[in-house]
Amino acid sequence: MKKFPKIPLALFTAFLFGTAVQAQDFSFGPKVGYNNAKLEGKSWQDFHDNNSINGFHVGAFAEIRFNKFAIQPEVYYSSAGGKWKTTFENAIVEHDFNLSYINVPLMLKYYITNGIAIEAGPQAGFLTDSKVKFADLNPDSPKFNDFDFSLNVGLSVNLPLNFMISARYNAGMTNVIDEPNVDWKNRVMQLSVGYRF
């Protein structure tokens, strides 16, 4: 397993504490949830809409709120990837691509009510593992890229007893595989529950 880079973590920590000093309200806590991930691709074989795989995410968030606006940096582990299925010589051939990332998003939030917010923001992803169930994969074939940049949009709801739920769509902007003739991008739907301290 690859080590998580220290620089993004240090920048995240410095930003978090520096901005929190000026905030009207500051909270933080853990989050965990369900992923429905797939790959959208061109070349080699286009992925179909039903190629999704199930997974999870777990990590931590902080919210720095200024009245109706808020900034929410996060760090979390997340599974991604997709399923490729085709028919070859009258047989069904299926390949699973299981990817794992440490993601560092910075969500910008706008509260449409006191407890409901829409959110959007960029995300940096660092590949930690790539388990590929691919029977005829050549050891010399292209590898998955270490970095993945994506954009997130979603909705979050603050609940009683300091709980929070959110739904988010993650759209990868960069190619996940190191091959100029192949263009595969991550697509992940996330449902999360968190607790605010």
N, C-alpha and C. Protein backbone atom coordinates (compact mmCIF):
# COMPACT_ATOMS: atom_id res chain seq x y z
N MET A 1 0.84 -1.19 0.00
CA MET A 1 0.00 0.00 0.00
C MET A 1 0.88 1.25 0.00
N LYS A 2 0.52 2.22 -0.83
CA LYS A 2 1.31 3.43 -0.94
C LYS A 2 1.04 4.34 0.25
N LYS A 3 2.07 5.11 0.63
CA LYS A 3 1.93 6.02 1.76
C LYS A 3 1.20 7.28 1.33
N PHE A 4 0.33 7.77 2.20
CA PHE A 4 -0.40 9.01 1.92
C PHE A 4 0.57 10.18 1.99
N PRO A 5 0.61 11.04 0.98
CA PRO A 5 1.56 12.15 0.98
C PRO A 5 1.37 13.06 2.19
N LYS A 6 2.49 13.50 2.76
CA LYS A 6 2.44 14.32 3.97
C LYS A 6 2.08 15.77 3.68
N ILE A 7 2.43 16.29 2.50
CA ILE A 7 2.18 17.69 2.19
C ILE A 7 0.69 18.03 2.16
N PRO A 8 -0.19 17.24 1.47
CA PRO A 8 -1.62 17.57 1.51
C PRO A 8 -2.19 17.56 2.92
N LEU A 9 -1.73 16.64 3.77
CA LEU A 9 -2.24 16.58 5.13
C LEU A 9 -1.81 17.81 5.92
N ALA A 10 -0.57 18.27 5.73
CA ALA A 10 -0.09 19.45 6.44
C ALA A 10 -0.83 20.70 5.99
N LEU A 11 -1.06 20.84 4.69
CA LEU A 11 -1.81 21.99 4.18
C LEU A 11 -3.24 21.99 4.68
N PHE A 12 -3.84 20.81 4.71
CA PHE A 12 -5.20 20.67 5.21
C PHE A 12 -5.29 21.12 6.67
N THR A 13 -4.34 20.70 7.50
CA THR A 13 -4.35 21.05 8.91
C THR A 13 -4.14 22.55 9.12
N ALA A 14 -3.19 23.13 8.39
CA ALA A 14 -2.92 24.56 8.52
C ALA A 14 -4.12 25.39 8.09
N PHE A 15 -4.73 25.01 6.99
CA PHE A 15 -5.91 25.73 6.51
C PHE A 15 -7.06 25.64 7.50
N LEU A 16 -7.25 24.46 8.05
CA LEU A 16 -8.35 24.20 8.97
C LEU A 16 -8.28 25.10 10.19
N PHE A 17 -7.14 25.15 10.83
CA PHE A 17 -7.00 25.92 12.06
C PHE A 17 -6.93 27.42 11.79
N GLY A 18 -6.34 27.80 10.67
CA GLY A 18 -6.25 29.21 10.34
C GLY A 18 -7.59 29.84 10.06
N THR A 19 -8.44 29.12 9.33
CA THR A 19 -9.76 29.65 8.97
C THR A 19 -10.74 29.57 10.13
N ALA A 20 -10.62 28.55 10.97
CA ALA A 20 -11.56 28.35 12.07
C ALA A 20 -11.54 29.49 13.05
N VAL A 21 -10.41 30.20 13.16
CA VAL A 21 -10.31 31.31 14.11
C VAL A 21 -11.30 32.41 13.77
N GLN A 22 -11.57 32.60 12.48
CA GLN A 22 -12.44 33.69 12.04
C GLN A 22 -13.90 33.25 11.85
N ALA A 23 -14.21 32.00 12.06
CA ALA A 23 -15.54 31.47 11.77
C ALA A 23 -16.55 31.85 12.84
N GLN A 24 -17.83 31.95 12.43
CA GLN A 24 -18.92 32.14 13.38
C GLN A 24 -19.27 30.84 14.08
N ASP A 25 -19.08 29.74 13.38
CA ASP A 25 -19.39 28.43 13.95
C ASP A 25 -18.40 27.41 13.37
N PHE A 26 -17.87 26.55 14.25
CA PHE A 26 -16.90 25.55 13.82
C PHE A 26 -17.29 24.20 14.39
N SER A 27 -17.30 23.18 13.54
CA SER A 27 -17.59 21.83 13.99
C SER A 27 -16.74 20.85 13.19
N PHE A 28 -16.58 19.65 13.74
CA PHE A 28 -15.79 18.63 13.06
C PHE A 28 -16.29 17.27 13.53
N GLY A 29 -15.88 16.23 12.83
CA GLY A 29 -16.29 14.90 13.24
C GLY A 29 -16.00 13.83 12.21
N PRO A 30 -16.36 12.60 12.52
CA PRO A 30 -16.16 11.49 11.58
C PRO A 30 -17.32 11.37 10.60
N LYS A 31 -17.06 10.70 9.48
CA LYS A 31 -18.12 10.40 8.53
C LYS A 31 -17.85 9.03 7.93
N VAL A 32 -18.93 8.35 7.56
CA VAL A 32 -18.82 7.02 6.96
C VAL A 32 -20.00 6.85 6.02
N GLY A 33 -19.86 6.02 5.00
CA GLY A 33 -20.98 5.86 4.11
C GLY A 33 -20.77 4.86 3.00
N TYR A 34 -21.75 4.85 2.11
CA TYR A 34 -21.85 3.89 1.00
C TYR A 34 -21.43 4.54 -0.30
N ASN A 35 -20.69 3.81 -1.12
CA ASN A 35 -20.30 4.25 -2.46
C ASN A 35 -20.94 3.36 -3.52
N ASN A 36 -21.40 3.98 -4.58
CA ASN A 36 -21.75 3.28 -5.80
C ASN A 36 -20.86 3.85 -6.89
N ALA A 37 -19.84 3.08 -7.30
CA ALA A 37 -18.80 3.60 -8.19
C ALA A 37 -18.84 2.91 -9.54
N LYS A 38 -18.44 3.66 -10.56
CA LYS A 38 -18.30 3.08 -11.89
C LYS A 38 -17.22 3.85 -12.64
N LEU A 39 -16.80 3.28 -13.75
CA LEU A 39 -15.85 3.92 -14.64
C LEU A 39 -16.54 4.24 -15.96
N GLU A 40 -16.33 5.46 -16.43
CA GLU A 40 -16.78 5.82 -17.78
C GLU A 40 -15.55 5.88 -18.65
N GLY A 41 -15.58 5.17 -19.78
CA GLY A 41 -14.36 5.10 -20.56
C GLY A 41 -14.57 5.06 -22.05
N LYS A 42 -13.49 5.36 -22.74
CA LYS A 42 -13.43 5.27 -24.19
C LYS A 42 -12.22 4.42 -24.58
N SER A 43 -12.36 3.66 -25.62
CA SER A 43 -11.31 2.78 -26.14
C SER A 43 -11.16 1.56 -25.25
N TRP A 44 -10.47 0.55 -25.81
CA TRP A 44 -10.33 -0.79 -25.23
C TRP A 44 -11.69 -1.47 -25.17
N GLN A 45 -12.65 -0.84 -24.61
CA GLN A 45 -14.04 -1.29 -24.59
C GLN A 45 -14.79 -0.29 -23.75
N ASP A 46 -15.79 0.35 -24.33
CA ASP A 46 -16.54 1.34 -23.57
C ASP A 46 -17.26 0.67 -22.41
N PHE A 47 -17.24 1.37 -21.25
CA PHE A 47 -17.99 0.88 -20.10
C PHE A 47 -19.47 1.18 -20.31
N HIS A 48 -20.30 0.28 -19.82
CA HIS A 48 -21.74 0.48 -19.94
C HIS A 48 -22.30 1.09 -18.66
N ASP A 49 -23.53 1.58 -18.71
CA ASP A 49 -24.11 2.27 -17.57
C ASP A 49 -24.26 1.37 -16.35
N ASN A 50 -24.39 0.07 -16.57
CA ASN A 50 -24.63 -0.86 -15.45
C ASN A 50 -23.35 -1.50 -14.93
N ASN A 51 -22.21 -0.81 -15.08
CA ASN A 51 -20.94 -1.42 -14.68
C ASN A 51 -20.54 -1.10 -13.24
N SER A 52 -21.47 -0.56 -12.44
CA SER A 52 -21.12 -0.06 -11.12
C SER A 52 -20.80 -1.19 -10.13
N ILE A 53 -19.98 -0.84 -9.14
CA ILE A 53 -19.65 -1.74 -8.04
C ILE A 53 -19.95 -1.01 -6.73
N ASN A 54 -20.20 -1.80 -5.67
CA ASN A 54 -20.51 -1.23 -4.37
C ASN A 54 -19.24 -1.10 -3.53
N GLY A 55 -19.20 -0.09 -2.69
CA GLY A 55 -18.06 0.14 -1.82
C GLY A 55 -18.42 1.01 -0.65
N PHE A 56 -17.40 1.64 -0.06
CA PHE A 56 -17.64 2.46 1.13
C PHE A 56 -16.60 3.57 1.22
N HIS A 57 -16.83 4.50 2.13
CA HIS A 57 -15.86 5.53 2.45
C HIS A 57 -15.90 5.80 3.95
N VAL A 58 -14.78 6.24 4.50
CA VAL A 58 -14.69 6.55 5.93
C VAL A 58 -13.60 7.60 6.12
N GLY A 59 -13.88 8.58 6.98
CA GLY A 59 -12.89 9.62 7.21
C GLY A 59 -13.38 10.67 8.18
N ALA A 60 -12.94 11.91 7.97
CA ALA A 60 -13.26 13.00 8.88
C ALA A 60 -13.53 14.28 8.09
N PHE A 61 -14.32 15.16 8.68
CA PHE A 61 -14.64 16.44 8.05
C PHE A 61 -14.57 17.54 9.10
N ALA A 62 -14.50 18.77 8.64
CA ALA A 62 -14.63 19.94 9.51
C ALA A 62 -15.47 20.96 8.75
N GLU A 63 -16.35 21.64 9.46
CA GLU A 63 -17.15 22.69 8.82
C GLU A 63 -16.86 24.02 9.49
N ILE A 64 -16.52 25.00 8.66
CA ILE A 64 -16.24 26.35 9.12
C ILE A 64 -17.32 27.24 8.53
N ARG A 65 -18.25 27.68 9.38
CA ARG A 65 -19.46 28.33 8.88
C ARG A 65 -19.46 29.82 9.12
N PHE A 66 -19.86 30.56 8.08
CA PHE A 66 -20.02 32.01 8.14
C PHE A 66 -21.47 32.33 7.74
N ASN A 67 -22.37 32.28 8.69
CA ASN A 67 -23.80 32.53 8.44
C ASN A 67 -24.33 31.53 7.42
N LYS A 68 -24.73 31.98 6.21
CA LYS A 68 -25.29 31.06 5.22
C LYS A 68 -24.23 30.31 4.42
N PHE A 69 -23.00 30.78 4.46
CA PHE A 69 -21.92 30.14 3.72
C PHE A 69 -21.03 29.34 4.67
N ALA A 70 -20.42 28.28 4.11
CA ALA A 70 -19.51 27.46 4.92
C ALA A 70 -18.46 26.83 4.02
N ILE A 71 -17.34 26.49 4.62
CA ILE A 71 -16.28 25.74 3.97
C ILE A 71 -16.12 24.42 4.71
N GLN A 72 -16.07 23.33 3.96
CA GLN A 72 -15.97 22.01 4.59
C GLN A 72 -14.82 21.22 3.97
N PRO A 73 -13.62 21.28 4.57
CA PRO A 73 -12.54 20.41 4.14
C PRO A 73 -12.71 19.02 4.74
N GLU A 74 -12.21 18.01 4.03
CA GLU A 74 -12.35 16.62 4.47
C GLU A 74 -11.09 15.83 4.12
N VAL A 75 -10.91 14.73 4.80
CA VAL A 75 -9.94 13.70 4.43
C VAL A 75 -10.61 12.36 4.66
N TYR A 76 -10.66 11.51 3.63
CA TYR A 76 -11.32 10.22 3.82
C TYR A 76 -10.79 9.16 2.84
N TYR A 77 -10.88 7.92 3.28
CA TYR A 77 -10.57 6.77 2.43
C TYR A 77 -11.82 6.40 1.64
N SER A 78 -11.64 6.07 0.36
CA SER A 78 -12.80 5.76 -0.47
C SER A 78 -12.45 4.70 -1.51
N SER A 79 -13.39 3.79 -1.73
CA SER A 79 -13.25 2.81 -2.80
C SER A 79 -13.88 3.34 -4.08
N ALA A 80 -13.33 2.91 -5.21
CA ALA A 80 -13.84 3.34 -6.52
C ALA A 80 -13.59 2.21 -7.50
N GLY A 81 -13.78 2.49 -8.79
CA GLY A 81 -13.55 1.48 -9.82
C GLY A 81 -14.80 1.20 -10.63
N GLY A 82 -14.84 0.00 -11.21
CA GLY A 82 -15.98 -0.36 -12.03
C GLY A 82 -15.88 -1.79 -12.53
N LYS A 83 -16.91 -2.20 -13.26
CA LYS A 83 -17.01 -3.57 -13.77
C LYS A 83 -17.13 -3.52 -15.29
N TRP A 84 -16.32 -4.30 -15.95
CA TRP A 84 -16.33 -4.37 -17.41
C TRP A 84 -16.77 -5.77 -17.83
N LYS A 85 -17.78 -5.83 -18.68
CA LYS A 85 -18.32 -7.12 -19.10
C LYS A 85 -18.52 -7.09 -20.61
N THR A 86 -18.10 -8.15 -21.27
CA THR A 86 -18.28 -8.24 -22.71
C THR A 86 -18.45 -9.70 -23.10
N THR A 87 -18.82 -9.94 -24.33
CA THR A 87 -18.96 -11.30 -24.85
C THR A 87 -17.83 -11.55 -25.85
N PHE A 88 -17.09 -12.64 -25.61
CA PHE A 88 -15.96 -12.98 -26.47
C PHE A 88 -16.04 -14.46 -26.81
N GLU A 89 -16.17 -14.76 -28.11
CA GLU A 89 -16.27 -16.14 -28.60
C GLU A 89 -17.37 -16.91 -27.84
N ASN A 90 -18.56 -16.29 -27.79
CA ASN A 90 -19.76 -16.88 -27.18
C ASN A 90 -19.63 -17.11 -25.67
N ALA A 91 -18.68 -16.45 -25.04
CA ALA A 91 -18.51 -16.56 -23.59
C ALA A 91 -18.52 -15.15 -23.00
N ILE A 92 -19.08 -15.02 -21.78
CA ILE A 92 -19.10 -13.74 -21.09
C ILE A 92 -17.79 -13.56 -20.33
N VAL A 93 -17.10 -12.50 -20.64
CA VAL A 93 -15.83 -12.18 -19.97
C VAL A 93 -16.07 -10.96 -19.08
N GLU A 94 -15.71 -11.06 -17.81
CA GLU A 94 -15.98 -9.99 -16.86
C GLU A 94 -14.70 -9.63 -16.11
N HIS A 95 -14.45 -8.34 -16.00
CA HIS A 95 -13.26 -7.84 -15.31
C HIS A 95 -13.69 -6.80 -14.29
N ASP A 96 -13.19 -6.91 -13.06
CA ASP A 96 -13.46 -5.92 -12.01
C ASP A 96 -12.20 -5.08 -11.80
N PHE A 97 -12.40 -3.77 -11.71
CA PHE A 97 -11.31 -2.85 -11.41
C PHE A 97 -11.63 -2.22 -10.05
N ASN A 98 -10.90 -2.61 -9.01
CA ASN A 98 -11.13 -2.12 -7.65
C ASN A 98 -10.01 -1.17 -7.26
N LEU A 99 -10.36 0.11 -7.12
CA LEU A 99 -9.39 1.16 -6.80
C LEU A 99 -9.68 1.72 -5.41
N SER A 100 -8.62 2.13 -4.72
CA SER A 100 -8.76 2.74 -3.40
C SER A 100 -8.00 4.07 -3.38
N TYR A 101 -8.63 5.09 -2.79
CA TYR A 101 -8.05 6.43 -2.76
C TYR A 101 -8.11 7.03 -1.35
N ILE A 102 -7.15 7.91 -1.07
CA ILE A 102 -7.30 8.88 0.00
C ILE A 102 -7.72 10.18 -0.68
N ASN A 103 -8.93 10.65 -0.38
CA ASN A 103 -9.48 11.84 -1.03
C ASN A 103 -9.43 13.04 -0.08
N VAL A 104 -9.11 14.20 -0.67
CA VAL A 104 -9.06 15.45 0.10
C VAL A 104 -9.91 16.49 -0.64
N PRO A 105 -11.22 16.55 -0.36
CA PRO A 105 -12.07 17.55 -0.99
C PRO A 105 -12.12 18.84 -0.19
N LEU A 106 -12.47 19.92 -0.86
CA LEU A 106 -12.75 21.20 -0.21
C LEU A 106 -14.12 21.65 -0.71
N MET A 107 -15.14 21.43 0.13
CA MET A 107 -16.51 21.72 -0.27
C MET A 107 -16.92 23.13 0.15
N LEU A 108 -17.52 23.85 -0.79
CA LEU A 108 -18.10 25.15 -0.51
C LEU A 108 -19.61 24.96 -0.36
N LYS A 109 -20.18 25.43 0.76
CA LYS A 109 -21.56 25.15 1.08
C LYS A 109 -22.38 26.44 1.18
N TYR A 110 -23.64 26.33 0.75
CA TYR A 110 -24.58 27.43 0.93
C TYR A 110 -25.83 26.87 1.60
N TYR A 111 -26.19 27.42 2.75
CA TYR A 111 -27.34 26.96 3.51
C TYR A 111 -28.61 27.62 2.98
N ILE A 112 -29.48 26.81 2.35
CA ILE A 112 -30.75 27.33 1.85
C ILE A 112 -31.77 27.43 2.98
N THR A 113 -31.60 26.64 4.03
CA THR A 113 -32.29 26.82 5.31
C THR A 113 -31.22 26.68 6.39
N ASN A 114 -31.61 26.77 7.64
CA ASN A 114 -30.62 26.70 8.72
C ASN A 114 -29.93 25.34 8.77
N GLY A 115 -30.60 24.26 8.29
CA GLY A 115 -30.02 22.93 8.40
C GLY A 115 -29.78 22.21 7.09
N ILE A 116 -30.18 22.81 5.95
CA ILE A 116 -30.03 22.16 4.64
C ILE A 116 -29.11 23.00 3.78
N ALA A 117 -28.08 22.35 3.23
CA ALA A 117 -27.09 23.08 2.43
C ALA A 117 -26.82 22.36 1.12
N ILE A 118 -26.63 23.14 0.06
CA ILE A 118 -26.10 22.61 -1.18
C ILE A 118 -24.58 22.82 -1.15
N GLU A 119 -23.84 21.91 -1.81
CA GLU A 119 -22.39 21.97 -1.71
C GLU A 119 -21.74 21.60 -3.03
N ALA A 120 -20.57 22.15 -3.26
CA ALA A 120 -19.80 21.83 -4.46
C ALA A 120 -18.34 22.17 -4.18
N GLY A 121 -17.44 21.46 -4.88
CA GLY A 121 -16.04 21.78 -4.69
C GLY A 121 -15.12 20.77 -5.34
N PRO A 122 -13.82 21.12 -5.41
CA PRO A 122 -12.82 20.23 -6.01
C PRO A 122 -12.35 19.17 -5.03
N GLN A 123 -11.75 18.13 -5.58
CA GLN A 123 -11.23 17.03 -4.76
C GLN A 123 -9.95 16.48 -5.37
N ALA A 124 -8.95 16.30 -4.51
CA ALA A 124 -7.71 15.64 -4.91
C ALA A 124 -7.74 14.22 -4.36
N GLY A 125 -7.44 13.24 -5.21
CA GLY A 125 -7.45 11.84 -4.80
C GLY A 125 -6.08 11.21 -5.02
N PHE A 126 -5.61 10.45 -4.01
CA PHE A 126 -4.31 9.80 -4.07
C PHE A 126 -4.50 8.29 -4.01
N LEU A 127 -4.13 7.61 -5.08
CA LEU A 127 -4.33 6.17 -5.17
C LEU A 127 -3.48 5.44 -4.13
N THR A 128 -4.12 4.57 -3.34
CA THR A 128 -3.39 3.78 -2.35
C THR A 128 -3.33 2.31 -2.73
N ASP A 129 -4.27 1.84 -3.57
CA ASP A 129 -4.28 0.44 -3.94
C ASP A 129 -5.10 0.25 -5.21
N SER A 130 -4.74 -0.76 -6.00
CA SER A 130 -5.49 -1.07 -7.22
C SER A 130 -5.53 -2.58 -7.38
N LYS A 131 -6.58 -3.19 -6.87
CA LYS A 131 -6.76 -4.63 -7.00
C LYS A 131 -7.61 -4.91 -8.23
N VAL A 132 -7.02 -5.57 -9.20
CA VAL A 132 -7.67 -5.79 -10.48
C VAL A 132 -7.95 -7.27 -10.66
N LYS A 133 -9.22 -7.65 -10.77
CA LYS A 133 -9.58 -9.02 -11.10
C LYS A 133 -9.70 -9.11 -12.62
N PHE A 134 -8.61 -9.46 -13.25
CA PHE A 134 -8.52 -9.39 -14.70
C PHE A 134 -7.71 -10.60 -15.15
N ALA A 135 -8.39 -11.67 -15.54
CA ALA A 135 -7.75 -12.97 -15.75
C ALA A 135 -6.61 -12.91 -16.76
N ASP A 136 -6.79 -12.13 -17.83
CA ASP A 136 -5.77 -12.12 -18.89
C ASP A 136 -5.00 -10.81 -18.92
N LEU A 137 -4.89 -10.14 -17.79
CA LEU A 137 -4.17 -8.87 -17.74
C LEU A 137 -2.67 -9.12 -17.83
N ASN A 138 -2.04 -8.47 -18.79
CA ASN A 138 -0.60 -8.61 -18.98
C ASN A 138 0.14 -7.81 -17.92
N PRO A 139 1.15 -8.39 -17.26
CA PRO A 139 1.90 -7.65 -16.24
C PRO A 139 2.54 -6.36 -16.77
N ASP A 140 2.77 -6.30 -18.08
CA ASP A 140 3.39 -5.12 -18.67
C ASP A 140 2.36 -4.11 -19.18
N SER A 141 1.09 -4.33 -18.88
CA SER A 141 0.05 -3.43 -19.35
C SER A 141 0.09 -2.11 -18.56
N PRO A 142 -0.59 -1.07 -19.06
CA PRO A 142 -0.56 0.23 -18.38
C PRO A 142 -1.07 0.14 -16.94
N LYS A 143 -0.53 1.01 -16.11
CA LYS A 143 -0.89 1.03 -14.69
C LYS A 143 -1.84 2.18 -14.40
N PHE A 144 -2.49 2.12 -13.24
CA PHE A 144 -3.39 3.19 -12.83
C PHE A 144 -2.58 4.38 -12.30
N ASN A 145 -3.06 5.58 -12.61
CA ASN A 145 -2.37 6.80 -12.19
C ASN A 145 -2.50 7.00 -10.68
N ASP A 146 -1.46 7.60 -10.09
CA ASP A 146 -1.44 7.82 -8.64
C ASP A 146 -2.35 8.96 -8.20
N PHE A 147 -2.68 9.88 -9.12
CA PHE A 147 -3.45 11.08 -8.75
C PHE A 147 -4.74 11.15 -9.55
N ASP A 148 -5.80 11.56 -8.87
CA ASP A 148 -7.10 11.71 -9.53
C ASP A 148 -7.73 13.02 -9.07
N PHE A 149 -8.02 13.91 -10.02
CA PHE A 149 -8.69 15.17 -9.70
C PHE A 149 -10.16 15.06 -10.10
N SER A 150 -11.04 15.54 -9.23
CA SER A 150 -12.47 15.43 -9.51
C SER A 150 -13.22 16.62 -8.95
N LEU A 151 -14.49 16.72 -9.32
CA LEU A 151 -15.40 17.75 -8.83
C LEU A 151 -16.58 17.08 -8.15
N ASN A 152 -17.01 17.66 -7.03
CA ASN A 152 -18.12 17.12 -6.25
C ASN A 152 -19.29 18.10 -6.22
N VAL A 153 -20.50 17.57 -6.25
CA VAL A 153 -21.71 18.35 -5.98
C VAL A 153 -22.60 17.51 -5.07
N GLY A 154 -23.36 18.17 -4.20
CA GLY A 154 -24.19 17.38 -3.30
C GLY A 154 -25.12 18.22 -2.44
N LEU A 155 -25.73 17.54 -1.49
CA LEU A 155 -26.69 18.13 -0.56
C LEU A 155 -26.44 17.53 0.81
N SER A 156 -26.45 18.37 1.84
CA SER A 156 -26.27 17.88 3.21
C SER A 156 -27.38 18.42 4.10
N VAL A 157 -27.71 17.62 5.11
CA VAL A 157 -28.78 17.97 6.05
C VAL A 157 -28.27 17.75 7.47
N ASN A 158 -28.35 18.79 8.30
CA ASN A 158 -28.02 18.67 9.71
C ASN A 158 -29.23 18.16 10.47
N LEU A 159 -29.04 17.09 11.25
CA LEU A 159 -30.12 16.44 11.99
C LEU A 159 -29.99 16.74 13.48
N PRO A 160 -31.04 16.43 14.25
CA PRO A 160 -30.93 16.54 15.70
C PRO A 160 -29.84 15.63 16.26
N LEU A 161 -29.42 15.90 17.47
CA LEU A 161 -28.40 15.11 18.19
C LEU A 161 -27.05 15.16 17.49
N ASN A 162 -26.81 16.24 16.73
CA ASN A 162 -25.51 16.50 16.09
C ASN A 162 -25.18 15.55 14.93
N PHE A 163 -26.16 14.83 14.42
CA PHE A 163 -25.91 13.98 13.26
C PHE A 163 -26.07 14.77 11.97
N MET A 164 -25.47 14.27 10.91
CA MET A 164 -25.54 14.88 9.60
C MET A 164 -25.64 13.78 8.55
N ILE A 165 -26.43 13.98 7.51
CA ILE A 165 -26.47 13.08 6.37
C ILE A 165 -26.19 13.89 5.11
N SER A 166 -25.63 13.22 4.10
CA SER A 166 -25.34 13.92 2.86
C SER A 166 -25.38 12.95 1.68
N ALA A 167 -25.67 13.51 0.53
CA ALA A 167 -25.62 12.78 -0.74
C ALA A 167 -24.74 13.59 -1.68
N ARG A 168 -23.83 12.88 -2.36
CA ARG A 168 -22.84 13.59 -3.16
C ARG A 168 -22.51 12.80 -4.42
N TYR A 169 -22.27 13.55 -5.51
CA TYR A 169 -21.83 12.94 -6.76
C TYR A 169 -20.41 13.40 -7.05
N ASN A 170 -19.53 12.45 -7.29
CA ASN A 170 -18.12 12.71 -7.56
C ASN A 170 -17.81 12.40 -9.02
N ALA A 171 -17.40 13.42 -9.77
CA ALA A 171 -17.11 13.27 -11.20
C ALA A 171 -15.62 13.45 -11.44
N GLY A 172 -14.92 12.38 -11.79
CA GLY A 172 -13.50 12.45 -12.07
C GLY A 172 -13.22 13.24 -13.34
N MET A 173 -12.19 14.08 -13.30
CA MET A 173 -11.81 14.91 -14.44
C MET A 173 -10.55 14.40 -15.14
N THR A 174 -9.81 13.52 -14.47
CA THR A 174 -8.55 13.04 -15.03
C THR A 174 -8.62 11.56 -15.36
N ASN A 175 -7.78 11.13 -16.27
CA ASN A 175 -7.73 9.74 -16.67
C ASN A 175 -7.15 8.89 -15.54
N VAL A 176 -7.81 7.79 -15.20
CA VAL A 176 -7.33 6.97 -14.08
C VAL A 176 -6.25 5.97 -14.51
N ILE A 177 -6.03 5.85 -15.81
CA ILE A 177 -5.05 4.86 -16.28
C ILE A 177 -3.99 5.54 -17.14
N ASP A 178 -2.77 5.07 -17.01
CA ASP A 178 -1.63 5.67 -17.69
C ASP A 178 -1.48 5.08 -19.10
N GLU A 179 -2.36 5.52 -19.98
CA GLU A 179 -2.38 5.02 -21.37
C GLU A 179 -3.00 6.10 -22.25
N PRO A 180 -2.24 6.68 -23.18
CA PRO A 180 -2.75 7.80 -23.97
C PRO A 180 -3.95 7.46 -24.85
N ASN A 181 -4.12 6.19 -25.22
CA ASN A 181 -5.22 5.82 -26.11
C ASN A 181 -6.47 5.36 -25.36
N VAL A 182 -6.43 5.45 -24.04
CA VAL A 182 -7.56 5.03 -23.22
C VAL A 182 -7.95 6.17 -22.29
N ASP A 183 -9.24 6.43 -22.18
CA ASP A 183 -9.73 7.52 -21.34
C ASP A 183 -10.79 6.99 -20.38
N TRP A 184 -10.39 6.65 -19.18
CA TRP A 184 -11.32 6.16 -18.15
C TRP A 184 -11.37 7.15 -17.01
N LYS A 185 -12.57 7.47 -16.55
CA LYS A 185 -12.75 8.43 -15.46
C LYS A 185 -13.66 7.85 -14.38
N ASN A 186 -13.34 8.20 -13.12
CA ASN A 186 -14.15 7.75 -11.99
C ASN A 186 -15.47 8.50 -11.92
N ARG A 187 -16.53 7.78 -11.56
CA ARG A 187 -17.84 8.34 -11.25
C ARG A 187 -18.33 7.65 -9.98
N VAL A 188 -18.59 8.43 -8.93
CA VAL A 188 -18.95 7.83 -7.65
C VAL A 188 -20.14 8.58 -7.04
N MET A 189 -21.16 7.83 -6.66
CA MET A 189 -22.28 8.35 -5.87
C MET A 189 -22.04 7.97 -4.41
N GLN A 190 -22.19 8.93 -3.49
CA GLN A 190 -21.91 8.68 -2.07
C GLN A 190 -23.10 9.08 -1.20
N LEU A 191 -23.43 8.22 -0.27
CA LEU A 191 -24.38 8.53 0.79
C LEU A 191 -23.64 8.42 2.11
N SER A 192 -23.66 9.49 2.91
CA SER A 192 -22.84 9.55 4.12
C SER A 192 -23.67 9.89 5.34
N VAL A 193 -23.17 9.46 6.48
CA VAL A 193 -23.68 9.90 7.78
C VAL A 193 -22.48 10.35 8.59
N GLY A 194 -22.63 11.47 9.29
CA GLY A 194 -21.54 12.00 10.09
C GLY A 194 -22.04 12.45 11.44
N TYR A 195 -21.10 12.69 12.33
CA TYR A 195 -21.43 13.21 13.66
C TYR A 195 -20.60 14.46 13.90
N ARG A 196 -21.26 15.52 14.37
CA ARG A 196 -20.63 16.84 14.52
C ARG A 196 -20.31 17.09 16.01
N PHE A 197 -19.05 17.36 16.27
CA PHE A 197 -18.62 17.78 17.61
C PHE A 197 -18.56 19.30 17.68
